[in-house]
C-alpha atoms as a PDB file:
ATOM      1  CA  UNK A   1     136.725  12.609 116.356  1.00  0.00           C
ATOM      2  CA  UNK A   2     135.772  16.136 115.358  1.00  0.00           C
ATOM      3  CA  UNK A   3     138.450  18.381 114.082  1.00  0.00           C
ATOM      4  CA  UNK A   4     138.631  22.261 114.476  1.00  0.00           C
ATOM      5  CA  UNK A   5     136.767  22.911 111.286  1.00  0.00           C
ATOM      6  CA  UNK A   6     133.603  20.975 112.614  1.00  0.00           C
ATOM      7  CA  UNK A   7     133.694  17.536 111.031  1.00  0.00           C
ATOM      8  CA  UNK A   8     135.423  14.315 111.034  1.00  0.00           C
ATOM      9  CA  UNK A   9     137.379  14.606 107.778  1.00  0.00           C
ATOM     10  CA  UNK A  10     140.961  15.034 108.229  1.00  0.00           C
ATOM     11  CA  UNK A  11     141.266  18.235 106.341  1.00  0.00           C
ATOM     12  CA  UNK A  12     139.401  21.588 106.064  1.00  0.00           C
ATOM     13  CA  UNK A  13     137.179  20.512 103.097  1.00  0.00           C
ATOM     14  CA  UNK A  14     135.664  22.821 100.463  1.00  0.00           C
ATOM     15  CA  UNK A  15     132.368  20.771 100.726  1.00  0.00           C
ATOM     16  CA  UNK A  16     132.142  21.426 104.621  1.00  0.00           C
ATOM     17  CA  UNK A  17     132.938  25.183 103.978  1.00  0.00           C
ATOM     18  CA  UNK A  18     129.932  25.521 101.692  1.00  0.00           C
ATOM     19  CA  UNK A  19     127.701  23.288 103.953  1.00  0.00           C
ATOM     20  CA  UNK A  20     128.442  25.855 106.706  1.00  0.00           C
ATOM     21  CA  UNK A  21     127.716  28.643 104.405  1.00  0.00           C
ATOM     22  CA  UNK A  22     124.771  27.432 102.567  1.00  0.00           C
ATOM     23  CA  UNK A  23     123.513  24.254 104.141  1.00  0.00           C
ATOM     24  CA  UNK A  24     124.549  21.759 101.519  1.00  0.00           C
ATOM     25  CA  UNK A  25     126.873  20.870  98.514  1.00  0.00           C
ATOM     26  CA  UNK A  26     127.557  23.651  96.088  1.00  0.00           C
ATOM     27  CA  UNK A  27     129.119  22.932  92.719  1.00  0.00           C
ATOM     28  CA  UNK A  28     130.963  25.358  90.363  1.00  0.00           C
ATOM     29  CA  UNK A  29     129.523  25.958  86.723  1.00  0.00           C
ATOM     30  CA  UNK A  30     132.501  26.973  84.436  1.00  0.00           C
ATOM     31  CA  UNK A  31     131.925  29.777  82.094  1.00  0.00           C
ATOM     32  CA  UNK A  32     134.037  30.962  79.225  1.00  0.00           C
ATOM     33  CA  UNK A  33     133.178  34.545  78.628  1.00  0.00           C
ATOM     34  CA  UNK A  34     135.763  35.094  75.942  1.00  0.00           C
ATOM     35  CA  UNK A  35     138.428  36.659  78.061  1.00  0.00           C
ATOM     36  CA  UNK A  36     142.044  36.940  77.006  1.00  0.00           C
ATOM     37  CA  UNK A  37     145.299  37.208  79.032  1.00  0.00           C
ATOM     38  CA  UNK A  38     147.958  39.892  79.266  1.00  0.00           C
ATOM     39  CA  UNK A  39     150.667  37.166  79.181  1.00  0.00           C
ATOM     40  CA  UNK A  40     149.324  35.942  75.676  1.00  0.00           C
ATOM     41  CA  UNK A  41     148.174  39.133  73.922  1.00  0.00           C
ATOM     42  CA  UNK A  42     151.503  40.985  74.241  1.00  0.00           C
ATOM     43  CA  UNK A  43     150.953  43.196  77.164  1.00  0.00           C
ATOM     44  CA  UNK A  44     153.186  41.184  79.288  1.00  0.00           C
ATOM     45  CA  UNK A  45     154.165  38.439  76.807  1.00  0.00           C
ATOM     46  CA  UNK A  46     152.974  36.584  73.729  1.00  0.00           C
ATOM     47  CA  UNK A  47     153.974  33.011  74.899  1.00  0.00           C
ATOM     48  CA  UNK A  48     151.793  32.686  77.969  1.00  0.00           C
ATOM     49  CA  UNK A  49     152.774  30.479  80.872  1.00  0.00           C
ATOM     50  CA  UNK A  50     154.890  27.426  79.807  1.00  0.00           C
ATOM     51  CA  UNK A  51     152.483  24.994  81.438  1.00  0.00           C
ATOM     52  CA  UNK A  52     149.155  26.606  80.306  1.00  0.00           C
ATOM     53  CA  UNK A  53     146.340  24.685  78.629  1.00  0.00           C
ATOM     54  CA  UNK A  54     143.052  26.136  79.366  1.00  0.00           C
ATOM     55  CA  UNK A  55     141.328  23.712  76.946  1.00  0.00           C
ATOM     56  CA  UNK A  56     142.351  20.804  79.089  1.00  0.00           C
ATOM     57  CA  UNK A  57     140.230  22.087  82.094  1.00  0.00           C
ATOM     58  CA  UNK A  58     137.251  23.420  80.099  1.00  0.00           C
ATOM     59  CA  UNK A  59     134.164  21.010  80.253  1.00  0.00           C
ATOM     60  CA  UNK A  60     132.361  20.320  76.890  1.00  0.00           C
ATOM     61  CA  UNK A  61     129.618  22.891  77.495  1.00  0.00           C
ATOM     62  CA  UNK A  62     131.897  25.649  78.371  1.00  0.00           C
ATOM     63  CA  UNK A  63     132.477  27.590  75.095  1.00  0.00           C
ATOM     64  CA  UNK A  64     132.709  31.446  74.593  1.00  0.00           C
ATOM     65  CA  UNK A  65     130.340  31.515  71.424  1.00  0.00           C
ATOM     66  CA  UNK A  66     127.620  30.302  73.861  1.00  0.00           C
ATOM     67  CA  UNK A  67     125.814  33.003  76.000  1.00  0.00           C
ATOM     68  CA  UNK A  68     126.563  32.872  79.541  1.00  0.00           C
ATOM     69  CA  UNK A  69     122.912  32.017  80.425  1.00  0.00           C
ATOM     70  CA  UNK A  70     123.153  28.983  77.995  1.00  0.00           C
ATOM     71  CA  UNK A  71     126.413  27.806  79.610  1.00  0.00           C
ATOM     72  CA  UNK A  72     124.935  27.886  82.969  1.00  0.00           C
ATOM     73  CA  UNK A  73     121.938  26.097  81.894  1.00  0.00           C
ATOM     74  CA  UNK A  74     123.955  23.370  80.220  1.00  0.00           C
ATOM     75  CA  UNK A  75     126.486  23.192  83.139  1.00  0.00           C
ATOM     76  CA  UNK A  76     123.654  22.683  85.637  1.00  0.00           C
ATOM     77  CA  UNK A  77     122.484  19.862  83.391  1.00  0.00           C
ATOM     78  CA  UNK A  78     126.072  18.442  83.066  1.00  0.00           C
ATOM     79  CA  UNK A  79     126.681  18.456  86.805  1.00  0.00           C
ATOM     80  CA  UNK A  80     123.279  17.103  87.839  1.00  0.00           C
ATOM     81  CA  UNK A  81     124.249  13.857  86.073  1.00  0.00           C
ATOM     82  CA  UNK A  82     127.673  13.644  87.730  1.00  0.00           C
ATOM     83  CA  UNK A  83     127.034  15.209  91.218  1.00  0.00           C
ATOM     84  CA  UNK A  84     123.338  14.260  92.082  1.00  0.00           C
ATOM     85  CA  UNK A  85     123.712  15.622  95.757  1.00  0.00           C
ATOM     86  CA  UNK A  86     124.412  19.212  94.487  1.00  0.00           C
ATOM     87  CA  UNK A  87     121.483  21.556  94.555  1.00  0.00           C
ATOM     88  CA  UNK A  88     123.224  24.872  94.625  1.00  0.00           C
ATOM     89  CA  UNK A  89     125.807  26.252  92.069  1.00  0.00           C
ATOM     90  CA  UNK A  90     128.247  29.019  91.653  1.00  0.00           C
ATOM     91  CA  UNK A  91     128.724  30.651  88.179  1.00  0.00           C
ATOM     92  CA  UNK A  92     132.621  30.224  87.758  1.00  0.00           C
ATOM     93  CA  UNK A  93     134.410  32.489  85.278  1.00  0.00           C
ATOM     94  CA  UNK A  94     137.354  30.318  84.770  1.00  0.00           C
ATOM     95  CA  UNK A  95     139.447  30.169  81.500  1.00  0.00           C
ATOM     96  CA  UNK A  96     142.133  32.765  81.098  1.00  0.00           C
ATOM     97  CA  UNK A  97     142.162  36.202  83.144  1.00  0.00           C
ATOM     98  CA  UNK A  98     138.603  37.100  83.957  1.00  0.00           C
ATOM     99  CA  UNK A  99     139.353  40.582  85.194  1.00  0.00           C
ATOM    100  CA  UNK A 100     141.235  41.616  82.315  1.00  0.00           C
ATOM    101  CA  UNK A 101     138.741  44.236  80.768  1.00  0.00           C
ATOM    102  CA  UNK A 102     137.785  47.860  81.819  1.00  0.00           C
ATOM    103  CA  UNK A 103     135.491  47.804  84.878  1.00  0.00           C
ATOM    104  CA  UNK A 104     132.411  49.072  82.887  1.00  0.00           C
ATOM    105  CA  UNK A 105     132.850  45.989  80.471  1.00  0.00           C
ATOM    106  CA  UNK A 106     133.293  43.637  83.585  1.00  0.00           C
ATOM    107  CA  UNK A 107     129.995  44.897  85.031  1.00  0.00           C
ATOM    108  CA  UNK A 108     128.274  44.137  81.851  1.00  0.00           C
ATOM    109  CA  UNK A 109     129.664  40.635  81.556  1.00  0.00           C
ATOM    110  CA  UNK A 110     129.074  39.641  85.344  1.00  0.00           C
ATOM    111  CA  UNK A 111     125.623  41.135  85.142  1.00  0.00           C
ATOM    112  CA  UNK A 112     124.615  38.396  82.761  1.00  0.00           C
ATOM    113  CA  UNK A 113     125.066  35.837  85.574  1.00  0.00           C
ATOM    114  CA  UNK A 114     123.649  38.100  88.078  1.00  0.00           C
ATOM    115  CA  UNK A 115     120.436  37.975  86.064  1.00  0.00           C
ATOM    116  CA  UNK A 116     120.199  34.392  86.824  1.00  0.00           C
ATOM    117  CA  UNK A 117     121.470  34.757  90.334  1.00  0.00           C
ATOM    118  CA  UNK A 118     118.880  37.464  91.359  1.00  0.00           C
ATOM    119  CA  UNK A 119     116.094  35.009  90.532  1.00  0.00           C
ATOM    120  CA  UNK A 120     117.128  32.506  93.210  1.00  0.00           C
ATOM    121  CA  UNK A 121     116.364  32.170  96.833  1.00  0.00           C
ATOM    122  CA  UNK A 122     118.048  34.953  98.461  1.00  0.00           C
ATOM    123  CA  UNK A 123     121.764  34.893  99.840  1.00  0.00           C
ATOM    124  CA  UNK A 124     121.878  35.007 103.563  1.00  0.00           C
ATOM    125  CA  UNK A 125     122.885  38.623 103.400  1.00  0.00           C
ATOM    126  CA  UNK A 126     120.357  39.748 100.930  1.00  0.00           C
ATOM    127  CA  UNK A 127     118.510  43.023 101.851  1.00  0.00           C
ATOM    128  CA  UNK A 128     114.631  42.546 102.147  1.00  0.00           C
ATOM    129  CA  UNK A 129     113.994  45.505  99.700  1.00  0.00           C
ATOM    130  CA  UNK A 130     115.913  43.932  96.997  1.00  0.00           C
ATOM    131  CA  UNK A 131     113.789  43.817  93.671  1.00  0.00           C
ATOM    132  CA  UNK A 132     113.096  40.337  92.747  1.00  0.00           C
ATOM    133  CA  UNK A 133     113.202  39.104  89.156  1.00  0.00           C
ATOM    134  CA  UNK A 134     111.828  36.278  87.135  1.00  0.00           C
ATOM    135  CA  UNK A 135     112.517  32.775  88.502  1.00  0.00           C
ATOM    136  CA  UNK A 136     114.736  31.554  85.651  1.00  0.00           C
ATOM    137  CA  UNK A 137     117.553  29.727  87.228  1.00  0.00           C
ATOM    138  CA  UNK A 138     116.734  29.045  90.978  1.00  0.00           C
ATOM    139  CA  UNK A 139     120.053  27.192  91.754  1.00  0.00           C
ATOM    140  CA  UNK A 140     122.815  29.811  91.153  1.00  0.00           C
ATOM    141  CA  UNK A 141     123.908  31.413  94.398  1.00  0.00           C
ATOM    142  CA  UNK A 142     126.895  33.444  93.444  1.00  0.00           C
ATOM    143  CA  UNK A 143     130.223  33.791  91.396  1.00  0.00           C
ATOM    144  CA  UNK A 144     133.719  32.833  91.559  1.00  0.00           C
ATOM    145  CA  UNK A 145     136.041  34.788  89.380  1.00  0.00           C
ATOM    146  CA  UNK A 146     139.505  33.355  88.201  1.00  0.00           C
ATOM    147  CA  UNK A 147     142.141  35.777  87.365  1.00  0.00           C
ATOM    148  CA  UNK A 148     145.779  36.909  87.687  1.00  0.00           C
ATOM    149  CA  UNK A 149     146.926  38.741  90.855  1.00  0.00           C
ATOM    150  CA  UNK A 150     148.297  41.740  88.681  1.00  0.00           C
ATOM    151  CA  UNK A 151     144.688  42.266  87.274  1.00  0.00           C
ATOM    152  CA  UNK A 152     143.027  43.656  90.279  1.00  0.00           C
ATOM    153  CA  UNK A 153     142.542  47.232  91.659  1.00  0.00           C
ATOM    154  CA  UNK A 154     140.803  49.215  94.188  1.00  0.00           C
ATOM    155  CA  UNK A 155     137.876  50.047  91.969  1.00  0.00           C
ATOM    156  CA  UNK A 156     137.231  46.557  91.002  1.00  0.00           C
ATOM    157  CA  UNK A 157     137.431  45.345  94.711  1.00  0.00           C
ATOM    158  CA  UNK A 158     135.087  48.101  95.855  1.00  0.00           C
ATOM    159  CA  UNK A 159     132.596  46.896  93.114  1.00  0.00           C
ATOM    160  CA  UNK A 160     132.806  43.262  94.212  1.00  0.00           C
ATOM    161  CA  UNK A 161     132.545  44.275  97.840  1.00  0.00           C
ATOM    162  CA  UNK A 162     129.334  46.043  96.823  1.00  0.00           C
ATOM    163  CA  UNK A 163     128.036  42.871  95.052  1.00  0.00           C
ATOM    164  CA  UNK A 164     128.623  40.638  97.889  1.00  0.00           C
ATOM    165  CA  UNK A 165     126.123  42.504 100.134  1.00  0.00           C
ATOM    166  CA  UNK A 166     123.543  40.404  97.991  1.00  0.00           C
ATOM    167  CA  UNK A 167     125.440  37.581  96.354  1.00  0.00           C
ATOM    168  CA  UNK A 168     128.370  35.346  97.271  1.00  0.00           C
ATOM    169  CA  UNK A 169     131.516  36.417  95.443  1.00  0.00           C
ATOM    170  CA  UNK A 170     134.991  34.863  95.570  1.00  0.00           C
ATOM    171  CA  UNK A 171     138.195  35.911  93.624  1.00  0.00           C
ATOM    172  CA  UNK A 172     140.532  33.036  92.814  1.00  0.00           C
ATOM    173  CA  UNK A 173     144.103  33.898  91.837  1.00  0.00           C
ATOM    174  CA  UNK A 174     146.513  31.843  90.022  1.00  0.00           C
ATOM    175  CA  UNK A 175     149.749  32.002  92.016  1.00  0.00           C
ATOM    176  CA  UNK A 176     151.447  28.726  91.273  1.00  0.00           C
ATOM    177  CA  UNK A 177     154.585  29.187  93.295  1.00  0.00           C
ATOM    178  CA  UNK A 178     155.799  31.352  96.161  1.00  0.00           C
ATOM    179  CA  UNK A 179     159.369  31.389  94.506  1.00  0.00           C
ATOM    180  CA  UNK A 180     160.140  34.196  92.086  1.00  0.00           C
ATOM    181  CA  UNK A 181     162.779  32.114  90.214  1.00  0.00           C
ATOM    182  CA  UNK A 182     160.075  29.540  89.482  1.00  0.00           C
ATOM    183  CA  UNK A 183     157.615  32.150  88.296  1.00  0.00           C
ATOM    184  CA  UNK A 184     160.189  33.663  85.971  1.00  0.00           C
ATOM    185  CA  UNK A 185     161.253  30.131  84.567  1.00  0.00           C
ATOM    186  CA  UNK A 186     157.533  29.416  83.722  1.00  0.00           C
ATOM    187  CA  UNK A 187     157.067  32.744  82.048  1.00  0.00           C
ATOM    188  CA  UNK A 188     154.270  33.682  84.741  1.00  0.00           C
ATOM    189  CA  UNK A 189     154.778  37.482  84.143  1.00  0.00           C
ATOM    190  CA  UNK A 190     154.599  38.451  87.904  1.00  0.00           C
ATOM    191  CA  UNK A 191     156.402  37.977  91.132  1.00  0.00           C
ATOM    192  CA  UNK A 192     155.155  36.517  94.311  1.00  0.00           C
ATOM    193  CA  UNK A 193     154.997  40.019  95.987  1.00  0.00           C
ATOM    194  CA  UNK A 194     152.228  40.889  93.442  1.00  0.00           C
ATOM    195  CA  UNK A 195     150.264  37.807  94.448  1.00  0.00           C
ATOM    196  CA  UNK A 196     150.670  38.559  98.213  1.00  0.00           C
ATOM    197  CA  UNK A 197     149.540  42.160  97.555  1.00  0.00           C
ATOM    198  CA  UNK A 198     146.390  41.143  95.507  1.00  0.00           C
ATOM    199  CA  UNK A 199     145.419  38.500  98.130  1.00  0.00           C
ATOM    200  CA  UNK A 200     145.872  40.996 101.140  1.00  0.00           C
ATOM    201  CA  UNK A 201     143.878  43.673  99.353  1.00  0.00           C
ATOM    202  CA  UNK A 202     141.016  41.195  98.502  1.00  0.00           C
ATOM    203  CA  UNK A 203     140.867  40.216 102.242  1.00  0.00           C
ATOM    204  CA  UNK A 204     140.862  43.796 103.357  1.00  0.00           C
ATOM    205  CA  UNK A 205     137.669  44.344 101.405  1.00  0.00           C
ATOM    206  CA  UNK A 206     136.217  41.215 103.090  1.00  0.00           C
ATOM    207  CA  UNK A 207     135.995  39.182  99.946  1.00  0.00           C
ATOM    208  CA  UNK A 208     136.661  35.547 100.072  1.00  0.00           C
ATOM    209  CA  UNK A 209     140.009  34.781  98.238  1.00  0.00           C
ATOM    210  CA  UNK A 210     141.304  31.515  96.938  1.00  0.00           C
ATOM    211  CA  UNK A 211     144.683  30.754  95.366  1.00  0.00           C
ATOM    212  CA  UNK A 212     146.134  28.026  93.096  1.00  0.00           C
ATOM    213  CA  UNK A 213     149.393  26.375  93.460  1.00  0.00           C
ATOM    214  CA  UNK A 214     151.259  23.675  91.477  1.00  0.00           C
ATOM    215  CA  UNK A 215     153.515  21.037  92.983  1.00  0.00           C
ATOM    216  CA  UNK A 216     156.523  19.973  90.914  1.00  0.00           C
ATOM    217  CA  UNK A 217     157.396  22.983  88.830  1.00  0.00           C
ATOM    218  CA  UNK A 218     160.910  22.753  87.437  1.00  0.00           C
ATOM    219  CA  UNK A 219     163.650  23.788  89.796  1.00  0.00           C
ATOM    220  CA  UNK A 220     161.870  23.184  93.070  1.00  0.00           C
ATOM    221  CA  UNK A 221     162.934  20.570  95.321  1.00  0.00           C
ATOM    222  CA  UNK A 222     160.524  18.830  97.805  1.00  0.00           C
ATOM    223  CA  UNK A 223     161.999  20.797 100.632  1.00  0.00           C
ATOM    224  CA  UNK A 224     161.221  24.041  98.860  1.00  0.00           C
ATOM    225  CA  UNK A 225     157.705  22.978  98.086  1.00  0.00           C
ATOM    226  CA  UNK A 226     157.018  22.023 101.761  1.00  0.00           C
ATOM    227  CA  UNK A 227     158.684  25.312 103.059  1.00  0.00           C
ATOM    228  CA  UNK A 228     155.963  27.001 100.915  1.00  0.00           C
ATOM    229  CA  UNK A 229     153.386  25.787 103.318  1.00  0.00           C
ATOM    230  CA  UNK A 230     154.737  28.091 105.994  1.00  0.00           C
ATOM    231  CA  UNK A 231     154.446  31.047 103.497  1.00  0.00           C
ATOM    232  CA  UNK A 232     150.863  30.209 102.394  1.00  0.00           C
ATOM    233  CA  UNK A 233     149.773  29.679 105.841  1.00  0.00           C
ATOM    234  CA  UNK A 234     150.434  33.471 106.693  1.00  0.00           C
ATOM    235  CA  UNK A 235     148.308  34.754 103.891  1.00  0.00           C
ATOM    236  CA  UNK A 236     144.793  35.738 104.561  1.00  0.00           C
ATOM    237  CA  UNK A 237     143.261  32.939 102.150  1.00  0.00           C
ATOM    238  CA  UNK A 238     139.758  31.337 102.384  1.00  0.00           C
ATOM    239  CA  UNK A 239     140.729  28.531  99.977  1.00  0.00           C
ATOM    240  CA  UNK A 240     143.517  26.924  98.138  1.00  0.00           C
ATOM    241  CA  UNK A 241     143.763  24.536  95.252  1.00  0.00           C
ATOM    242  CA  UNK A 242     146.842  22.385  94.918  1.00  0.00           C
ATOM    243  CA  UNK A 243     147.629  20.523  91.556  1.00  0.00           C
ATOM    244  CA  UNK A 244     150.452  18.047  90.683  1.00  0.00           C
ATOM    245  CA  UNK A 245     152.435  19.196  87.854  1.00  0.00           C
ATOM    246  CA  UNK A 246     150.703  17.960  84.657  1.00  0.00           C
ATOM    247  CA  UNK A 247     152.482  18.363  81.361  1.00  0.00           C
ATOM    248  CA  UNK A 248     149.946  19.058  78.619  1.00  0.00           C
ATOM    249  CA  UNK A 249     150.230  18.490  75.006  1.00  0.00           C
ATOM    250  CA  UNK A 250     150.955  21.528  72.876  1.00  0.00           C
ATOM    251  CA  UNK A 251     152.626  23.647  75.522  1.00  0.00           C
ATOM    252  CA  UNK A 252     156.056  24.897  75.800  1.00  0.00           C
ATOM    253  CA  UNK A 253     156.694  22.863  78.889  1.00  0.00           C
ATOM    254  CA  UNK A 254     155.710  19.760  76.957  1.00  0.00           C
ATOM    255  CA  UNK A 255     158.401  20.698  74.429  1.00  0.00           C
ATOM    256  CA  UNK A 256     160.917  21.064  77.163  1.00  0.00           C
ATOM    257  CA  UNK A 257     159.870  17.805  78.957  1.00  0.00           C
ATOM    258  CA  UNK A 258     160.143  15.768  75.680  1.00  0.00           C
ATOM    259  CA  UNK A 259     163.640  17.211  74.910  1.00  0.00           C
ATOM    260  CA  UNK A 260     165.011  17.123  78.446  1.00  0.00           C
ATOM    261  CA  UNK A 261     162.973  14.860  80.794  1.00  0.00           C
ATOM    262  CA  UNK A 262     165.847  14.677  83.145  1.00  0.00           C
ATOM    263  CA  UNK A 263     165.031  18.288  84.196  1.00  0.00           C
ATOM    264  CA  UNK A 264     161.778  17.232  85.615  1.00  0.00           C
ATOM    265  CA  UNK A 265     160.759  15.343  88.642  1.00  0.00           C
ATOM    266  CA  UNK A 266     157.182  14.118  88.313  1.00  0.00           C
ATOM    267  CA  UNK A 267     155.545  12.710  91.373  1.00  0.00           C
ATOM    268  CA  UNK A 268     154.569   8.994  91.267  1.00  0.00           C
ATOM    269  CA  UNK A 269     151.343   8.291  92.885  1.00  0.00           C
ATOM    270  CA  UNK A 270     152.546   7.009  96.260  1.00  0.00           C
ATOM    271  CA  UNK A 271     154.983   9.830  96.516  1.00  0.00           C
ATOM    272  CA  UNK A 272     152.532  12.464  95.796  1.00  0.00           C
ATOM    273  CA  UNK A 273     150.124  11.119  98.352  1.00  0.00           C
ATOM    274  CA  UNK A 274     152.591  11.241 101.081  1.00  0.00           C
ATOM    275  CA  UNK A 275     153.861  14.605  99.863  1.00  0.00           C
ATOM    276  CA  UNK A 276     150.548  16.397  99.969  1.00  0.00           C
ATOM    277  CA  UNK A 277     149.946  14.927 103.541  1.00  0.00           C
ATOM    278  CA  UNK A 278     153.205  16.322 104.626  1.00  0.00           C
ATOM    279  CA  UNK A 279     152.238  19.511 103.208  1.00  0.00           C
ATOM    280  CA  UNK A 280     148.823  19.654 104.667  1.00  0.00           C
ATOM    281  CA  UNK A 281     150.328  18.862 108.184  1.00  0.00           C
ATOM    282  CA  UNK A 282     152.011  22.300 108.043  1.00  0.00           C
ATOM    283  CA  UNK A 283     149.315  24.207 106.498  1.00  0.00           C
ATOM    284  CA  UNK A 284     147.255  26.645 108.585  1.00  0.00           C
ATOM    285  CA  UNK A 285     143.939  24.487 109.456  1.00  0.00           C
ATOM    286  CA  UNK A 286     141.804  27.733 108.904  1.00  0.00           C
ATOM    287  CA  UNK A 287     142.491  27.576 105.196  1.00  0.00           C
ATOM    288  CA  UNK A 288     139.977  25.437 103.331  1.00  0.00           C
ATOM    289  CA  UNK A 289     141.415  22.936 100.825  1.00  0.00           C
ATOM    290  CA  UNK A 290     139.410  22.898  97.679  1.00  0.00           C
ATOM    291  CA  UNK A 291     141.638  20.336  95.926  1.00  0.00           C
ATOM    292  CA  UNK A 292     144.642  18.205  96.366  1.00  0.00           C
ATOM    293  CA  UNK A 293     145.227  17.277  92.804  1.00  0.00           C
ATOM    294  CA  UNK A 294     144.203  18.042  89.192  1.00  0.00           C
ATOM    295  CA  UNK A 295     142.145  15.973  86.872  1.00  0.00           C
ATOM    296  CA  UNK A 296     141.970  16.346  83.131  1.00  0.00           C
ATOM    297  CA  UNK A 297     140.849  14.224  80.166  1.00  0.00           C
ATOM    298  CA  UNK A 298     143.861  11.746  79.539  1.00  0.00           C
ATOM    299  CA  UNK A 299     143.974  12.880  75.826  1.00  0.00           C
ATOM    300  CA  UNK A 300     145.566  16.043  76.979  1.00  0.00           C
ATOM    301  CA  UNK A 301     148.488  14.637  78.937  1.00  0.00           C
ATOM    302  CA  UNK A 302     151.967  13.690  77.995  1.00  0.00           C
ATOM    303  CA  UNK A 303     152.918  12.831  81.625  1.00  0.00           C
ATOM    304  CA  UNK A 304     152.611  10.107  84.286  1.00  0.00           C
ATOM    305  CA  UNK A 305     149.804   7.452  83.811  1.00  0.00           C
ATOM    306  CA  UNK A 306     148.548   7.903  87.442  1.00  0.00           C
ATOM    307  CA  UNK A 307     147.425  11.375  86.539  1.00  0.00           C
ATOM    308  CA  UNK A 308     144.863   9.945  84.376  1.00  0.00           C
ATOM    309  CA  UNK A 309     142.972   8.708  87.600  1.00  0.00           C
ATOM    310  CA  UNK A 310     139.764  10.515  88.668  1.00  0.00           C
ATOM    311  CA  UNK A 311     140.215  13.059  91.388  1.00  0.00           C
ATOM    312  CA  UNK A 312     137.692  11.215  93.503  1.00  0.00           C
ATOM    313  CA  UNK A 313     140.022   8.048  93.499  1.00  0.00           C
ATOM    314  CA  UNK A 314     143.065  10.084  94.498  1.00  0.00           C
ATOM    315  CA  UNK A 315     141.190  11.869  97.288  1.00  0.00           C
ATOM    316  CA  UNK A 316     140.079   8.677  98.607  1.00  0.00           C
ATOM    317  CA  UNK A 317     143.724   7.423  98.698  1.00  0.00           C
ATOM    318  CA  UNK A 318     144.870  10.596 100.421  1.00  0.00           C
ATOM    319  CA  UNK A 319     142.178  10.264 103.164  1.00  0.00           C
ATOM    320  CA  UNK A 320     142.943   6.655 103.683  1.00  0.00           C
ATOM    321  CA  UNK A 321     146.540   7.363 104.192  1.00  0.00           C
ATOM    322  CA  UNK A 322     145.892  10.202 106.465  1.00  0.00           C
ATOM    323  CA  UNK A 323     143.840   7.859 108.600  1.00  0.00           C
ATOM    324  CA  UNK A 324     146.707   5.220 108.544  1.00  0.00           C
ATOM    325  CA  UNK A 325     149.230   7.892 109.629  1.00  0.00           C
ATOM    326  CA  UNK A 326     146.844   9.338 112.255  1.00  0.00           C
ATOM    327  CA  UNK A 327     147.514  12.881 111.006  1.00  0.00           C
ATOM    328  CA  UNK A 328     145.491  15.943 109.830  1.00  0.00           C
ATOM    329  CA  UNK A 329     145.744  19.357 108.274  1.00  0.00           C
ATOM    330  CA  UNK A 330     147.535  21.457 110.529  1.00  0.00           C
ATOM    331  CA  UNK A 331     148.921  18.903 112.774  1.00  0.00           C
ATOM    332  CA  UNK A 332     152.345  20.442 112.774  1.00  0.00           C
ATOM    333  CA  UNK A 333     151.257  24.125 112.057  1.00  0.00           C
ATOM    334  CA  UNK A 334     152.552  26.707 114.319  1.00  0.00           C
END
């Protein structure tokens, strides 16, 4: 059975999205370019988001003391061992807020990745008169920039729109929740209206846009989380990433959890599988799902044991349950 997105998987998958874009698997190469965050340096707050632990998501090669070129080279080698089918890569500016500098400085930083990108086989939109460069890294096809929704403006979006005439560009926003009371409780430092504004501005410039959401944040019931599917479905998003709440050692949320575990509801595996399927049924089928769950090294976690499973294992269970339930993304969307 073929679904509206063109294959027989029961959700609109990230791998299928890139297969249609570029003809094969595309893998992100995380880059730590030494950015900070206004929620940590005092501009907004000094505490950061209560759940935040960037170290938990950084692969071993991803360190700001290394050059961007070195991180890309080591990242390709790392992923070639784990994902042998990948032959194209995106430079992924991931840790902290990767638009949190003046535009002039951002251009300098991003250009270090572009020097590698410009040496590859051209992006489908590449102009014929584009000056070619030395063939240093033939597998990098574009960039993904992770940031906060309160750190973009028209000048940045105009610049990225110009870049995407020759290279793939995506902006990925940490949104986390559609509820302002939740965002305030976890010290996010912006409201949902700010996230919606940034997403719509990005889409207006024709730039692919992703968003990250966490399921299980304190104060949110299952009904509230499921209702968020209707809100998200109305946004002009290209992709979404969903993570179950994972509580990391050394965070403010870990302190809260250890002192008052009764304030938290952490999904067990079976419950989460059924929940994300219920959520996907209500989600706009045009939105690509990049991830259903998070995966970090177990040494960072203080929360539920099943969260130590590899993501591939969790995804296989989700797809199997979708088949058993004979359901798919968007089945209940209207």
